[in-house]
Amino acid sequence: MNVLKSLAIISILGIFFIPRYSESAISCSVVIQDLQPCVSYLTSGSGNPPETCCDGVKSLAAATTTSADKKAACQCIKSVANSVTVKPELAQALASNCGASLPVDASPTVDCTTVG
């Protein structure tokens, strides 16, 4: 009886001390906040993006480190890009024009299943 009771206690304690590894994805509000300064540039701009836009792009690039983050950012960018008409050439070159690496272009046609 004592052995079973000890095993039960050890099992219960083990549940509480096992590290939890959950891939919590970046929220869409963070993605939108980072890319908000880029909207007017992507819709009607030309040349190089403004510094505030690039700051947001770099911040988003630094925040999207896990596969879950990249997929969530992709879905968010895709949904926003569907509601705003962006210039495709500016959207595709945004990250590189800012000297950053984003997992996805700011495009409504991107396939988010391949991101990550």
Protein backbone atom coordinates (compact mmCIF):
# COMPACT_ATOMS: atom_id res chain seq x y z
CA MET A 1 0.00 0.00 0.00
CA ASN A 2 2.80 2.45 0.86
CA VAL A 3 4.59 1.69 -2.42
CA LEU A 4 1.45 2.46 -4.46
CA LYS A 5 0.82 5.62 -2.46
CA SER A 6 4.43 6.75 -3.01
CA LEU A 7 4.20 6.06 -6.73
CA ALA A 8 0.95 8.02 -6.96
CA ILE A 9 2.49 11.00 -5.16
CA ILE A 10 5.61 10.90 -7.36
CA SER A 11 3.43 10.71 -10.49
CA ILE A 12 1.32 13.67 -9.42
CA LEU A 13 4.38 15.74 -8.52
CA GLY A 14 5.98 14.80 -11.84
CA ILE A 15 3.06 16.31 -13.73
CA PHE A 16 3.66 19.66 -12.06
CA PHE A 17 7.41 19.71 -12.59
CA ILE A 18 7.57 18.58 -16.22
CA PRO A 19 8.55 21.61 -18.28
CA ARG A 20 5.80 22.85 -20.54
CA TYR A 21 6.94 23.49 -24.10
CA SER A 22 4.18 25.30 -25.89
CA GLU A 23 4.71 27.23 -29.06
CA SER A 24 2.69 30.30 -28.34
CA ALA A 25 2.42 32.22 -31.56
CA ILE A 26 2.83 35.94 -32.03
CA SER A 27 -0.46 37.82 -31.90
CA CYS A 28 -1.88 39.53 -34.96
CA SER A 29 -2.07 42.81 -33.05
CA VAL A 30 1.73 42.77 -32.65
CA VAL A 31 2.18 42.08 -36.37
CA ILE A 32 -0.20 44.91 -37.29
CA GLN A 33 1.48 47.29 -34.85
CA ASP A 34 4.90 46.55 -36.35
CA LEU A 35 3.75 46.92 -39.97
CA GLN A 36 1.31 49.83 -39.54
CA PRO A 37 3.95 52.42 -40.54
CA CYS A 38 4.35 50.55 -43.86
CA VAL A 39 0.75 50.69 -45.05
CA SER A 40 0.87 54.00 -46.94
CA TYR A 41 4.23 53.06 -48.46
CA LEU A 42 2.92 49.67 -49.62
CA THR A 43 -0.28 51.12 -51.08
CA SER A 44 0.96 54.29 -52.74
CA GLY A 45 4.67 54.68 -52.11
CA SER A 46 7.75 54.35 -54.23
CA GLY A 47 11.48 54.10 -53.72
CA ASN A 48 12.76 53.04 -50.32
CA PRO A 49 10.43 52.52 -47.36
CA PRO A 50 10.42 55.12 -44.57
CA GLU A 51 12.62 54.51 -41.53
CA THR A 52 9.62 53.98 -39.23
CA CYS A 53 8.40 51.23 -41.56
CA CYS A 54 11.80 49.54 -41.56
CA ASP A 55 11.97 49.75 -37.77
CA GLY A 56 8.68 47.85 -37.64
CA VAL A 57 9.84 45.28 -40.20
CA LYS A 58 13.02 44.65 -38.20
CA SER A 59 11.03 44.38 -34.97
CA LEU A 60 8.69 41.84 -36.56
CA ALA A 61 11.62 39.88 -37.98
CA ALA A 62 13.16 39.68 -34.51
CA ALA A 63 9.85 38.58 -32.98
CA THR A 64 9.14 35.76 -35.44
CA THR A 65 11.63 33.13 -34.38
CA THR A 66 9.53 29.98 -34.07
CA SER A 67 7.62 28.14 -36.75
CA ALA A 68 4.36 29.01 -34.96
CA ASP A 69 5.32 32.71 -34.95
CA LYS A 70 6.10 32.66 -38.66
CA LYS A 71 2.84 30.92 -39.57
CA ALA A 72 0.79 33.26 -37.36
CA ALA A 73 2.51 36.35 -38.79
CA CYS A 74 1.92 35.02 -42.29
CA GLN A 75 -1.80 34.49 -41.68
CA CYS A 76 -2.13 37.96 -40.20
CA ILE A 77 -0.21 39.66 -43.01
CA LYS A 78 -2.24 37.74 -45.58
CA SER A 79 -5.56 38.74 -44.03
CA VAL A 80 -4.56 42.41 -43.82
CA ALA A 81 -3.17 42.35 -47.37
CA ASN A 82 -6.56 41.05 -48.55
CA SER A 83 -8.27 44.17 -47.20
CA VAL A 84 -5.71 46.67 -48.53
CA THR A 85 -4.49 46.93 -52.11
CA VAL A 86 -0.71 46.88 -51.96
CA LYS A 87 1.76 47.29 -54.77
CA PRO A 88 3.09 43.74 -55.27
CA GLU A 89 6.62 44.85 -56.14
CA LEU A 90 6.87 46.92 -52.95
CA ALA A 91 5.41 44.11 -50.83
CA GLN A 92 7.87 41.56 -52.20
CA ALA A 93 10.88 43.81 -51.71
CA LEU A 94 9.86 45.31 -48.34
CA ALA A 95 12.03 43.15 -46.08
CA SER A 96 15.12 43.29 -48.29
CA ASN A 97 14.72 47.06 -48.79
CA CYS A 98 14.73 47.36 -44.99
CA GLY A 99 17.75 45.08 -44.58
CA ALA A 100 15.66 42.48 -42.74
CA SER A 101 14.45 38.96 -43.34
CA LEU A 102 10.73 38.27 -42.94
CA PRO A 103 9.25 34.81 -43.33
CA VAL A 104 6.65 36.11 -45.78
CA ASP A 105 5.93 38.85 -48.30
CA ALA A 106 3.14 41.31 -47.50
CA SER A 107 0.95 39.70 -50.14
CA PRO A 108 -2.64 38.41 -50.19
CA THR A 109 -1.58 35.38 -52.27
CA VAL A 110 1.18 33.97 -50.04
CA ASP A 111 0.88 30.29 -49.10
CA CYS A 112 1.23 30.24 -45.31
CA THR A 113 1.42 26.42 -45.18
CA THR A 114 4.94 26.61 -46.61
CA VAL A 115 6.15 29.14 -44.03
CA GLY A 116 8.04 28.10 -40.96
